[in-house]
Amino acid sequence: MHIPDGYLGPYTYGALWIIMIPIWIYAGRRLSNELRSKQVPLLALSAAFSFVIMMFNVPIPGGSTGHAVGAAIIGIVLGPWAAVISVTVALVLQALIFGDGGITAIAANCFNMAVVMPFSAYYVYRIVSGKTDITSSRRIIAAAIAGYISLTLAAALTGVMFGIQPLLHHTAEGVPIYMPYPLSITVPAMVLEHALGFSILEALVTALIFAYIQKTDISLLYGEPSGRERIKMKGARPV
């Protein structure tokens, strides 16, 4: 899932740096307005959680590896913009300290795992859960579906980034300079290994953590009213 150096050409990773820089700036500004004081410690904790869970790389036949990301539950709990910063911190530290993901590919990895995953997870969760009560079991199912879809989608985009390299970068004789495999190979390879394995793990992790928060402190969830706000809502009388 982490794209190393040398797999993407400058057209691709350069474009993604241009895309990600304004996203990082805007996400940082959103945090100061949206993040509740009670959620601030969770931002650092979520970055640590994502860092740790992504370190468990499982080898896959064919020479690749895969892992859960944790971006789905972060996007649901803290909001997608907070997840952008949280998961980005984890990805940058992994690239700089452990060489897990390339330096040139930091923006590409962040786009897939720190933008696509939390945003898709958050909106899938919202659509599936609908207007059900926050304590409803449907919310847990919605979180699981969001985790599954978000990781599968991020894996598909990674496969697309790999697969377009032979089209963008090749010698005069048509020999690929970077990733040599076309879309017909890279997309199915990335999607199948995640859809049949790691996306299920992401769904399980997302559902379990969501269920725990649902039972302990639902005020931590992004977009949900705090305890005081709920009391006011319950005490309100229709005019």
C-alpha atoms as a PDB file:
ATOM      1  CA  MET A   1       0.000   0.000   0.000  1.00  0.00           C
ATOM      2  CA  HIS A   2       2.948   2.332   0.688  1.00  0.00           C
ATOM      3  CA  ILE A   3       4.397   3.421  -2.641  1.00  0.00           C
ATOM      4  CA  PRO A   4       8.225   3.316  -2.604  1.00  0.00           C
ATOM      5  CA  ASP A   5      10.563   5.647  -4.479  1.00  0.00           C
ATOM      6  CA  GLY A   6      11.146   4.702  -8.094  1.00  0.00           C
ATOM      7  CA  TYR A   7       7.665   3.339  -8.766  1.00  0.00           C
ATOM      8  CA  LEU A   8       6.062   6.642  -9.796  1.00  0.00           C
ATOM      9  CA  GLY A   9       7.451   9.069 -12.341  1.00  0.00           C
ATOM     10  CA  PRO A  10       7.804  12.822 -11.771  1.00  0.00           C
ATOM     11  CA  TYR A  11       4.575  13.635 -13.646  1.00  0.00           C
ATOM     12  CA  THR A  12       2.575  11.633 -11.116  1.00  0.00           C
ATOM     13  CA  TYR A  13       4.306  12.363  -7.823  1.00  0.00           C
ATOM     14  CA  GLY A  14       4.880  16.008  -8.815  1.00  0.00           C
ATOM     15  CA  ALA A  15       1.176  16.514  -9.543  1.00  0.00           C
ATOM     16  CA  LEU A  16       0.246  14.930  -6.226  1.00  0.00           C
ATOM     17  CA  TRP A  17       2.603  17.235  -4.299  1.00  0.00           C
ATOM     18  CA  ILE A  18       0.856  20.170  -5.974  1.00  0.00           C
ATOM     19  CA  ILE A  19      -2.522  18.735  -4.963  1.00  0.00           C
ATOM     20  CA  MET A  20      -1.585  17.848  -1.389  1.00  0.00           C
ATOM     21  CA  ILE A  21       0.149  21.054  -0.267  1.00  0.00           C
ATOM     22  CA  PRO A  22      -3.031  23.199  -0.328  1.00  0.00           C
ATOM     23  CA  ILE A  23      -4.977  20.311   1.226  1.00  0.00           C
ATOM     24  CA  TRP A  24      -2.538  20.168   4.155  1.00  0.00           C
ATOM     25  CA  ILE A  25      -2.728  23.941   4.621  1.00  0.00           C
ATOM     26  CA  TYR A  26      -6.530  23.971   4.544  1.00  0.00           C
ATOM     27  CA  ALA A  27      -6.785  20.949   6.839  1.00  0.00           C
ATOM     28  CA  GLY A  28      -4.562  22.665   9.398  1.00  0.00           C
ATOM     29  CA  ARG A  29      -6.813  25.710   9.383  1.00  0.00           C
ATOM     30  CA  ARG A  30      -9.960  23.618   9.729  1.00  0.00           C
ATOM     31  CA  LEU A  31      -8.625  21.889  12.837  1.00  0.00           C
ATOM     32  CA  SER A  32      -8.538  25.095  14.862  1.00  0.00           C
ATOM     33  CA  ASN A  33     -12.215  25.699  14.093  1.00  0.00           C
ATOM     34  CA  GLU A  34     -13.683  22.198  14.228  1.00  0.00           C
ATOM     35  CA  LEU A  35     -11.717  20.201  16.782  1.00  0.00           C
ATOM     36  CA  ARG A  36     -13.217  20.242  20.273  1.00  0.00           C
ATOM     37  CA  SER A  37     -10.880  20.619  23.234  1.00  0.00           C
ATOM     38  CA  LYS A  38     -11.862  17.133  24.372  1.00  0.00           C
ATOM     39  CA  GLN A  39     -10.757  15.718  21.028  1.00  0.00           C
ATOM     40  CA  VAL A  40      -7.326  17.374  20.896  1.00  0.00           C
ATOM     41  CA  PRO A  41      -5.486  14.559  22.753  1.00  0.00           C
ATOM     42  CA  LEU A  42      -7.145  12.091  20.398  1.00  0.00           C
ATOM     43  CA  LEU A  43      -5.443  13.717  17.424  1.00  0.00           C
ATOM     44  CA  ALA A  44      -2.009  12.674  18.672  1.00  0.00           C
ATOM     45  CA  LEU A  45      -3.341   9.308  19.793  1.00  0.00           C
ATOM     46  CA  SER A  46      -4.909   8.662  16.389  1.00  0.00           C
ATOM     47  CA  ALA A  47      -1.632   9.457  14.622  1.00  0.00           C
ATOM     48  CA  ALA A  48       0.156   6.979  16.892  1.00  0.00           C
ATOM     49  CA  PHE A  49      -2.560   4.383  16.283  1.00  0.00           C
ATOM     50  CA  SER A  50      -2.326   4.760  12.505  1.00  0.00           C
ATOM     51  CA  PHE A  51       1.475   4.626  12.692  1.00  0.00           C
ATOM     52  CA  VAL A  52       1.438   1.363  14.647  1.00  0.00           C
ATOM     53  CA  ILE A  53      -1.285  -0.428  12.686  1.00  0.00           C
ATOM     54  CA  MET A  54       0.417   0.354   9.365  1.00  0.00           C
ATOM     55  CA  MET A  55       3.683  -1.155  10.612  1.00  0.00           C
ATOM     56  CA  PHE A  56       2.127  -4.632  10.544  1.00  0.00           C
ATOM     57  CA  ASN A  57       2.871  -5.372   6.885  1.00  0.00           C
ATOM     58  CA  VAL A  58       1.760  -8.827   5.762  1.00  0.00           C
ATOM     59  CA  PRO A  59       3.553 -10.351   2.756  1.00  0.00           C
ATOM     60  CA  ILE A  60       1.340 -11.238  -0.208  1.00  0.00           C
ATOM     61  CA  PRO A  61       2.099 -13.717  -3.019  1.00  0.00           C
ATOM     62  CA  GLY A  62       3.622 -11.781  -5.895  1.00  0.00           C
ATOM     63  CA  GLY A  63       6.106  -9.754  -3.864  1.00  0.00           C
ATOM     64  CA  SER A  64       3.795  -7.121  -2.382  1.00  0.00           C
ATOM     65  CA  THR A  65       2.611  -6.464   1.164  1.00  0.00           C
ATOM     66  CA  GLY A  66      -0.568  -5.091   2.677  1.00  0.00           C
ATOM     67  CA  HIS A  67      -1.904  -3.710   5.940  1.00  0.00           C
ATOM     68  CA  ALA A  68      -4.792  -1.940   7.606  1.00  0.00           C
ATOM     69  CA  VAL A  69      -4.523   1.867   7.875  1.00  0.00           C
ATOM     70  CA  GLY A  70      -6.948   3.065  10.536  1.00  0.00           C
ATOM     71  CA  ALA A  71      -7.852   6.154   8.526  1.00  0.00           C
ATOM     72  CA  ALA A  72     -11.527   5.182   8.321  1.00  0.00           C
ATOM     73  CA  ILE A  73     -12.183   5.223  12.067  1.00  0.00           C
ATOM     74  CA  ILE A  74     -10.129   8.406  12.469  1.00  0.00           C
ATOM     75  CA  GLY A  75     -12.213  10.108   9.785  1.00  0.00           C
ATOM     76  CA  ILE A  76     -15.439   8.999  11.441  1.00  0.00           C
ATOM     77  CA  VAL A  77     -14.424   9.905  15.008  1.00  0.00           C
ATOM     78  CA  LEU A  78     -12.406  13.103  14.521  1.00  0.00           C
ATOM     79  CA  GLY A  79     -13.649  14.157  11.104  1.00  0.00           C
ATOM     80  CA  PRO A  80     -11.996  13.787   7.690  1.00  0.00           C
ATOM     81  CA  TRP A  81      -9.958  17.001   7.908  1.00  0.00           C
ATOM     82  CA  ALA A  82      -8.432  16.001  11.233  1.00  0.00           C
ATOM     83  CA  ALA A  83      -7.682  12.586   9.734  1.00  0.00           C
ATOM     84  CA  VAL A  84      -5.755  14.278   6.904  1.00  0.00           C
ATOM     85  CA  ILE A  85      -3.289  15.700   9.434  1.00  0.00           C
ATOM     86  CA  SER A  86      -3.238  12.658  11.700  1.00  0.00           C
ATOM     87  CA  VAL A  87      -2.566  10.047   9.018  1.00  0.00           C
ATOM     88  CA  THR A  88      -0.131  12.369   7.208  1.00  0.00           C
ATOM     89  CA  VAL A  89       2.002  12.618  10.355  1.00  0.00           C
ATOM     90  CA  ALA A  90       2.093   8.830  10.601  1.00  0.00           C
ATOM     91  CA  LEU A  91       3.011   8.406   6.923  1.00  0.00           C
ATOM     92  CA  VAL A  92       5.754  11.039   7.004  1.00  0.00           C
ATOM     93  CA  LEU A  93       7.349   9.499  10.103  1.00  0.00           C
ATOM     94  CA  GLN A  94       7.251   6.051   8.534  1.00  0.00           C
ATOM     95  CA  ALA A  95       8.887   7.320   5.346  1.00  0.00           C
ATOM     96  CA  LEU A  96      11.611   9.314   7.097  1.00  0.00           C
ATOM     97  CA  ILE A  97      12.446   6.921   9.937  1.00  0.00           C
ATOM     98  CA  PHE A  98      11.698   3.436   8.614  1.00  0.00           C
ATOM     99  CA  GLY A  99      11.774   3.932   4.857  1.00  0.00           C
ATOM    100  CA  ASP A 100       8.218   2.581   4.631  1.00  0.00           C
ATOM    101  CA  GLY A 101       7.066   4.517   1.568  1.00  0.00           C
ATOM    102  CA  GLY A 102       9.267   6.730  -0.581  1.00  0.00           C
ATOM    103  CA  ILE A 103      10.169  10.357   0.054  1.00  0.00           C
ATOM    104  CA  THR A 104       9.084  11.430  -3.418  1.00  0.00           C
ATOM    105  CA  ALA A 105       5.897   9.389  -2.980  1.00  0.00           C
ATOM    106  CA  ILE A 106       4.855  10.954   0.352  1.00  0.00           C
ATOM    107  CA  ALA A 107       2.191  13.104  -1.316  1.00  0.00           C
ATOM    108  CA  ALA A 108       0.875  10.127  -3.315  1.00  0.00           C
ATOM    109  CA  ASN A 109       0.652   7.959  -0.212  1.00  0.00           C
ATOM    110  CA  CYS A 110      -0.993  10.777   1.724  1.00  0.00           C
ATOM    111  CA  PHE A 111      -3.536  11.348  -1.031  1.00  0.00           C
ATOM    112  CA  ASN A 112      -4.557   7.685  -1.016  1.00  0.00           C
ATOM    113  CA  MET A 113      -4.498   7.005   2.719  1.00  0.00           C
ATOM    114  CA  ALA A 114      -4.907  10.431   4.378  1.00  0.00           C
ATOM    115  CA  VAL A 115      -7.443  11.995   1.988  1.00  0.00           C
ATOM    116  CA  VAL A 116      -9.322   9.372  -0.029  1.00  0.00           C
ATOM    117  CA  MET A 117      -9.723   6.955   2.879  1.00  0.00           C
ATOM    118  CA  PRO A 118     -11.060   9.258   5.636  1.00  0.00           C
ATOM    119  CA  PHE A 119     -13.307  11.276   3.341  1.00  0.00           C
ATOM    120  CA  SER A 120     -14.829   8.253   1.618  1.00  0.00           C
ATOM    121  CA  ALA A 121     -15.217   6.483   4.986  1.00  0.00           C
ATOM    122  CA  TYR A 122     -16.892   9.470   6.618  1.00  0.00           C
ATOM    123  CA  TYR A 123     -19.461   9.991   3.866  1.00  0.00           C
ATOM    124  CA  VAL A 124     -20.178   6.279   3.412  1.00  0.00           C
ATOM    125  CA  TYR A 125     -20.735   6.066   7.184  1.00  0.00           C
ATOM    126  CA  ARG A 126     -23.076   9.048   7.085  1.00  0.00           C
ATOM    127  CA  ILE A 127     -25.065   7.698   4.125  1.00  0.00           C
ATOM    128  CA  VAL A 128     -25.423   4.161   5.497  1.00  0.00           C
ATOM    129  CA  SER A 129     -26.215   5.232   9.082  1.00  0.00           C
ATOM    130  CA  GLY A 130     -28.740   7.818   7.915  1.00  0.00           C
ATOM    131  CA  LYS A 131     -30.734   9.418  10.706  1.00  0.00           C
ATOM    132  CA  THR A 132     -30.549   6.458  13.065  1.00  0.00           C
ATOM    133  CA  ASP A 133     -29.832   7.045  16.743  1.00  0.00           C
ATOM    134  CA  ILE A 134     -26.146   7.289  17.606  1.00  0.00           C
ATOM    135  CA  THR A 135     -26.444   4.211  19.836  1.00  0.00           C
ATOM    136  CA  SER A 136     -28.019   2.136  17.059  1.00  0.00           C
ATOM    137  CA  SER A 137     -26.316  -1.061  15.903  1.00  0.00           C
ATOM    138  CA  ARG A 138     -26.769   0.224  12.356  1.00  0.00           C
ATOM    139  CA  ARG A 139     -24.071   2.787  13.136  1.00  0.00           C
ATOM    140  CA  ILE A 140     -21.592  -0.014  13.829  1.00  0.00           C
ATOM    141  CA  ILE A 141     -22.496  -1.718  10.557  1.00  0.00           C
ATOM    142  CA  ALA A 142     -22.139   1.619   8.756  1.00  0.00           C
ATOM    143  CA  ALA A 143     -18.660   2.090  10.258  1.00  0.00           C
ATOM    144  CA  ALA A 144     -17.625  -1.403   9.122  1.00  0.00           C
ATOM    145  CA  ILE A 145     -18.882  -0.810   5.571  1.00  0.00           C
ATOM    146  CA  ALA A 146     -17.109   2.553   5.513  1.00  0.00           C
ATOM    147  CA  GLY A 147     -13.830   0.949   6.564  1.00  0.00           C
ATOM    148  CA  TYR A 148     -14.124  -1.749   3.922  1.00  0.00           C
ATOM    149  CA  ILE A 149     -15.011   0.560   1.036  1.00  0.00           C
ATOM    150  CA  SER A 150     -12.459   3.237   1.932  1.00  0.00           C
ATOM    151  CA  LEU A 151      -9.454   0.895   1.983  1.00  0.00           C
ATOM    152  CA  THR A 152     -10.559  -0.888  -1.182  1.00  0.00           C
ATOM    153  CA  LEU A 153     -10.957   2.465  -2.945  1.00  0.00           C
ATOM    154  CA  ALA A 154      -7.520   3.650  -1.779  1.00  0.00           C
ATOM    155  CA  ALA A 155      -5.989   0.381  -3.017  1.00  0.00           C
ATOM    156  CA  ALA A 156      -7.687   0.819  -6.406  1.00  0.00           C
ATOM    157  CA  LEU A 157      -6.271   4.339  -6.750  1.00  0.00           C
ATOM    158  CA  THR A 158      -2.818   3.048  -5.870  1.00  0.00           C
ATOM    159  CA  GLY A 159      -3.205   0.480  -8.638  1.00  0.00           C
ATOM    160  CA  VAL A 160      -4.211   3.239 -11.060  1.00  0.00           C
ATOM    161  CA  MET A 161      -1.140   5.292 -10.140  1.00  0.00           C
ATOM    162  CA  PHE A 162       1.053   2.256 -10.791  1.00  0.00           C
ATOM    163  CA  GLY A 163      -0.720   1.279 -14.008  1.00  0.00           C
ATOM    164  CA  ILE A 164      -0.455   4.637 -15.761  1.00  0.00           C
ATOM    165  CA  GLN A 165       3.330   4.789 -15.400  1.00  0.00           C
ATOM    166  CA  PRO A 166       4.096   2.769 -18.582  1.00  0.00           C
ATOM    167  CA  LEU A 167       1.897   5.244 -20.482  1.00  0.00           C
ATOM    168  CA  LEU A 168       3.574   8.335 -19.021  1.00  0.00           C
ATOM    169  CA  HIS A 169       7.218   7.311 -18.771  1.00  0.00           C
ATOM    170  CA  HIS A 170       8.944   5.059 -21.292  1.00  0.00           C
ATOM    171  CA  THR A 171      11.925   5.036 -23.603  1.00  0.00           C
ATOM    172  CA  ALA A 172      11.766   5.703 -27.330  1.00  0.00           C
ATOM    173  CA  GLU A 173      11.490   1.945 -27.796  1.00  0.00           C
ATOM    174  CA  GLY A 174       8.475   1.821 -25.459  1.00  0.00           C
ATOM    175  CA  VAL A 175      10.266   0.258 -22.490  1.00  0.00           C
ATOM    176  CA  PRO A 176       8.752   1.483 -19.179  1.00  0.00           C
ATOM    177  CA  ILE A 177      11.133   3.526 -17.018  1.00  0.00           C
ATOM    178  CA  TYR A 178       9.276   3.157 -13.707  1.00  0.00           C
ATOM    179  CA  MET A 179       6.485   0.694 -12.856  1.00  0.00           C
ATOM    180  CA  PRO A 180       6.441  -1.705 -15.837  1.00  0.00           C
ATOM    181  CA  TYR A 181       2.984  -3.239 -15.351  1.00  0.00           C
ATOM    182  CA  PRO A 182      -0.153  -1.842 -17.054  1.00  0.00           C
ATOM    183  CA  LEU A 183      -3.535  -1.053 -15.498  1.00  0.00           C
ATOM    184  CA  SER A 184      -4.847  -4.510 -16.414  1.00  0.00           C
ATOM    185  CA  ILE A 185      -2.397  -5.993 -13.910  1.00  0.00           C
ATOM    186  CA  THR A 186      -1.902  -3.352 -11.229  1.00  0.00           C
ATOM    187  CA  VAL A 187      -5.552  -2.505 -10.512  1.00  0.00           C
ATOM    188  CA  PRO A 188      -6.800  -6.107 -10.101  1.00  0.00           C
ATOM    189  CA  ALA A 189      -3.720  -6.975  -8.054  1.00  0.00           C
ATOM    190  CA  MET A 190      -4.231  -4.113  -5.617  1.00  0.00           C
ATOM    191  CA  VAL A 191      -8.025  -4.388  -5.423  1.00  0.00           C
ATOM    192  CA  LEU A 192      -8.271  -8.151  -4.995  1.00  0.00           C
ATOM    193  CA  GLU A 193      -5.639  -8.469  -2.284  1.00  0.00           C
ATOM    194  CA  HIS A 194      -7.312  -5.743  -0.259  1.00  0.00           C
ATOM    195  CA  ALA A 195     -10.972  -6.553  -0.985  1.00  0.00           C
ATOM    196  CA  LEU A 196     -10.427 -10.174   0.008  1.00  0.00           C
ATOM    197  CA  GLY A 197      -8.194  -9.504   2.997  1.00  0.00           C
ATOM    198  CA  PHE A 198      -7.025  -6.175   4.345  1.00  0.00           C
ATOM    199  CA  SER A 199     -10.266  -4.287   3.723  1.00  0.00           C
ATOM    200  CA  ILE A 200     -12.021  -6.872   5.889  1.00  0.00           C
ATOM    201  CA  LEU A 201      -9.460  -6.205   8.616  1.00  0.00           C
ATOM    202  CA  GLU A 202      -9.993  -2.450   8.238  1.00  0.00           C
ATOM    203  CA  ALA A 203     -13.757  -2.983   8.540  1.00  0.00           C
ATOM    204  CA  LEU A 204     -13.301  -5.062  11.687  1.00  0.00           C
ATOM    205  CA  VAL A 205     -10.976  -2.546  13.337  1.00  0.00           C
ATOM    206  CA  THR A 206     -13.283   0.335  12.444  1.00  0.00           C
ATOM    207  CA  ALA A 207     -16.386  -1.422  13.785  1.00  0.00           C
ATOM    208  CA  LEU A 208     -14.759  -2.526  17.045  1.00  0.00           C
ATOM    209  CA  ILE A 209     -13.356   0.903  17.899  1.00  0.00           C
ATOM    210  CA  PHE A 210     -16.602   2.601  16.931  1.00  0.00           C
ATOM    211  CA  ALA A 211     -18.599   0.202  19.114  1.00  0.00           C
ATOM    212  CA  TYR A 212     -16.294   0.927  22.053  1.00  0.00           C
ATOM    213  CA  ILE A 213     -16.676   4.704  21.662  1.00  0.00           C
ATOM    214  CA  GLN A 214     -20.414   4.254  21.190  1.00  0.00           C
ATOM    215  CA  LYS A 215     -20.623   2.615  24.623  1.00  0.00           C
ATOM    216  CA  THR A 216     -18.198   4.907  26.442  1.00  0.00           C
ATOM    217  CA  ASP A 217     -18.375   8.491  25.173  1.00  0.00           C
ATOM    218  CA  ILE A 218     -20.371   9.305  22.057  1.00  0.00           C
ATOM    219  CA  SER A 219     -19.576  13.006  22.448  1.00  0.00           C
ATOM    220  CA  LEU A 220     -16.144  12.230  20.969  1.00  0.00           C
ATOM    221  CA  LEU A 221     -17.693  11.489  17.584  1.00  0.00           C
ATOM    222  CA  TYR A 222     -17.310  14.178  14.943  1.00  0.00           C
ATOM    223  CA  GLY A 223     -20.529  15.945  14.070  1.00  0.00           C
ATOM    224  CA  GLU A 224     -22.391  14.610  17.098  1.00  0.00           C
ATOM    225  CA  PRO A 225     -23.675  16.954  19.841  1.00  0.00           C
ATOM    226  CA  SER A 226     -21.777  17.077  23.114  1.00  0.00           C
ATOM    227  CA  GLY A 227     -23.251  15.962  26.413  1.00  0.00           C
ATOM    228  CA  ARG A 228     -24.465  19.472  27.304  1.00  0.00           C
ATOM    229  CA  GLU A 229     -25.946  19.966  23.865  1.00  0.00           C
ATOM    230  CA  ARG A 230     -27.849  16.687  24.197  1.00  0.00           C
ATOM    231  CA  ILE A 231     -29.253  17.742  27.574  1.00  0.00           C
ATOM    232  CA  LYS A 232     -30.402  21.022  26.062  1.00  0.00           C
ATOM    233  CA  MET A 233     -31.963  19.176  23.124  1.00  0.00           C
ATOM    234  CA  LYS A 234     -33.826  16.823  25.468  1.00  0.00           C
ATOM    235  CA  GLY A 235     -34.979  19.710  27.625  1.00  0.00           C
ATOM    236  CA  ALA A 236     -36.195  21.765  24.710  1.00  0.00           C
ATOM    237  CA  ARG A 237     -39.957  22.034  24.268  1.00  0.00           C
ATOM    238  CA  PRO A 238     -41.639  22.538  20.927  1.00  0.00           C
ATOM    239  CA  VAL A 239     -43.221  25.941  20.519  1.00  0.00           C
END
